[in-house]
C-alpha atoms as a PDB file:
ATOM      1  CA  MET A   1      14.804   3.331 -28.506  1.00  0.00           C
ATOM      2  CA  LYS A   2      17.006   0.827 -26.704  1.00  0.00           C
ATOM      3  CA  ASN A   3      17.888   3.435 -24.075  1.00  0.00           C
ATOM      4  CA  LEU A   4      14.206   4.190 -23.485  1.00  0.00           C
ATOM      5  CA  PHE A   5      13.421   0.485 -23.079  1.00  0.00           C
ATOM      6  CA  ALA A   6      16.373  -0.004 -20.716  1.00  0.00           C
ATOM      7  CA  GLY A   7      15.321   3.025 -18.653  1.00  0.00           C
ATOM      8  CA  ILE A   8      11.750   1.784 -18.347  1.00  0.00           C
ATOM      9  CA  LEU A   9      12.967  -1.700 -17.410  1.00  0.00           C
ATOM     10  CA  ILE A  10      15.221  -0.279 -14.684  1.00  0.00           C
ATOM     11  CA  LEU A  11      12.410   1.934 -13.405  1.00  0.00           C
ATOM     12  CA  PHE A  12       9.985  -0.994 -13.092  1.00  0.00           C
ATOM     13  CA  THR A  13      12.625  -3.214 -11.499  1.00  0.00           C
ATOM     14  CA  VAL A  14      13.505  -0.621  -8.847  1.00  0.00           C
ATOM     15  CA  ASN A  15       9.822   0.083  -8.243  1.00  0.00           C
ATOM     16  CA  PHE A  16       9.101  -3.640  -7.806  1.00  0.00           C
ATOM     17  CA  LEU A  17      11.959  -4.138  -5.362  1.00  0.00           C
ATOM     18  CA  TYR A  18      11.039  -1.048  -3.345  1.00  0.00           C
ATOM     19  CA  ALA A  19       7.367  -2.038  -3.226  1.00  0.00           C
ATOM     20  CA  GLN A  20       8.243  -5.495  -1.934  1.00  0.00           C
ATOM     21  CA  GLU A  21      10.336  -3.978   0.835  1.00  0.00           C
ATOM     22  CA  ILE A  22       7.745  -1.601   2.287  1.00  0.00           C
ATOM     23  CA  LYS A  23       4.582  -3.721   1.959  1.00  0.00           C
ATOM     24  CA  ILE A  24       4.944  -5.637   5.205  1.00  0.00           C
ATOM     25  CA  TYR A  25       1.776  -6.056   7.236  1.00  0.00           C
ATOM     26  CA  ASN A  26       1.817  -6.106  11.015  1.00  0.00           C
ATOM     27  CA  PRO A  27       0.527  -9.540  12.106  1.00  0.00           C
ATOM     28  CA  LYS A  28      -0.388  -8.145  15.543  1.00  0.00           C
ATOM     29  CA  ALA A  29      -2.568  -5.340  14.151  1.00  0.00           C
ATOM     30  CA  ASP A  30      -6.259  -5.354  15.075  1.00  0.00           C
ATOM     31  CA  ALA A  31      -8.042  -4.838  11.763  1.00  0.00           C
ATOM     32  CA  LYS A  32     -11.493  -4.345  13.310  1.00  0.00           C
ATOM     33  CA  GLU A  33     -10.234  -1.611  15.631  1.00  0.00           C
ATOM     34  CA  GLU A  34      -8.269   0.161  12.896  1.00  0.00           C
ATOM     35  CA  LEU A  35     -11.255   0.029  10.531  1.00  0.00           C
ATOM     36  CA  ALA A  36     -13.611   1.375  13.196  1.00  0.00           C
ATOM     37  CA  ASP A  37     -11.203   4.248  13.900  1.00  0.00           C
ATOM     38  CA  ALA A  38     -10.870   5.021  10.188  1.00  0.00           C
ATOM     39  CA  VAL A  39     -14.653   5.025   9.662  1.00  0.00           C
ATOM     40  CA  LYS A  40     -15.170   7.263  12.694  1.00  0.00           C
ATOM     41  CA  LYS A  41     -12.520   9.739  11.534  1.00  0.00           C
ATOM     42  CA  ALA A  42     -13.840   9.710   7.959  1.00  0.00           C
ATOM     43  CA  SER A  43     -17.408  10.361   9.083  1.00  0.00           C
ATOM     44  CA  MET A  44     -16.269  13.355  11.159  1.00  0.00           C
ATOM     45  CA  GLU A  45     -14.370  14.759   8.172  1.00  0.00           C
ATOM     46  CA  ASN A  46     -17.095  13.804   5.639  1.00  0.00           C
ATOM     47  CA  LYS A  47     -14.657  11.591   3.693  1.00  0.00           C
ATOM     48  CA  HIS A  48     -14.556   8.043   2.350  1.00  0.00           C
ATOM     49  CA  VAL A  49     -12.479   5.118   3.660  1.00  0.00           C
ATOM     50  CA  PHE A  50     -10.072   3.259   1.373  1.00  0.00           C
ATOM     51  CA  ILE A  51      -9.168  -0.250   2.537  1.00  0.00           C
ATOM     52  CA  GLN A  52      -6.085  -2.128   1.378  1.00  0.00           C
ATOM     53  CA  VAL A  53      -6.127  -5.822   2.228  1.00  0.00           C
ATOM     54  CA  GLY A  54      -3.068  -8.037   2.108  1.00  0.00           C
ATOM     55  CA  GLY A  55      -0.824 -10.361   3.993  1.00  0.00           C
ATOM     56  CA  ASN A  56       2.737 -11.537   4.425  1.00  0.00           C
ATOM     57  CA  TRP A  57       3.076 -14.379   1.942  1.00  0.00           C
END
């Protein structure tokens, strides 16, 4: 049981550190333009648009 708990703890720790490293938003990105492009592409492919909002805090 202790090994399972330690494994899960390591897994979540590595996942947290990796997620923090790759979630960097480009401050020069034009959100309106990117959203318009995504909506246009999705409408041509008959798909939905998923939006993730965030910032560099």
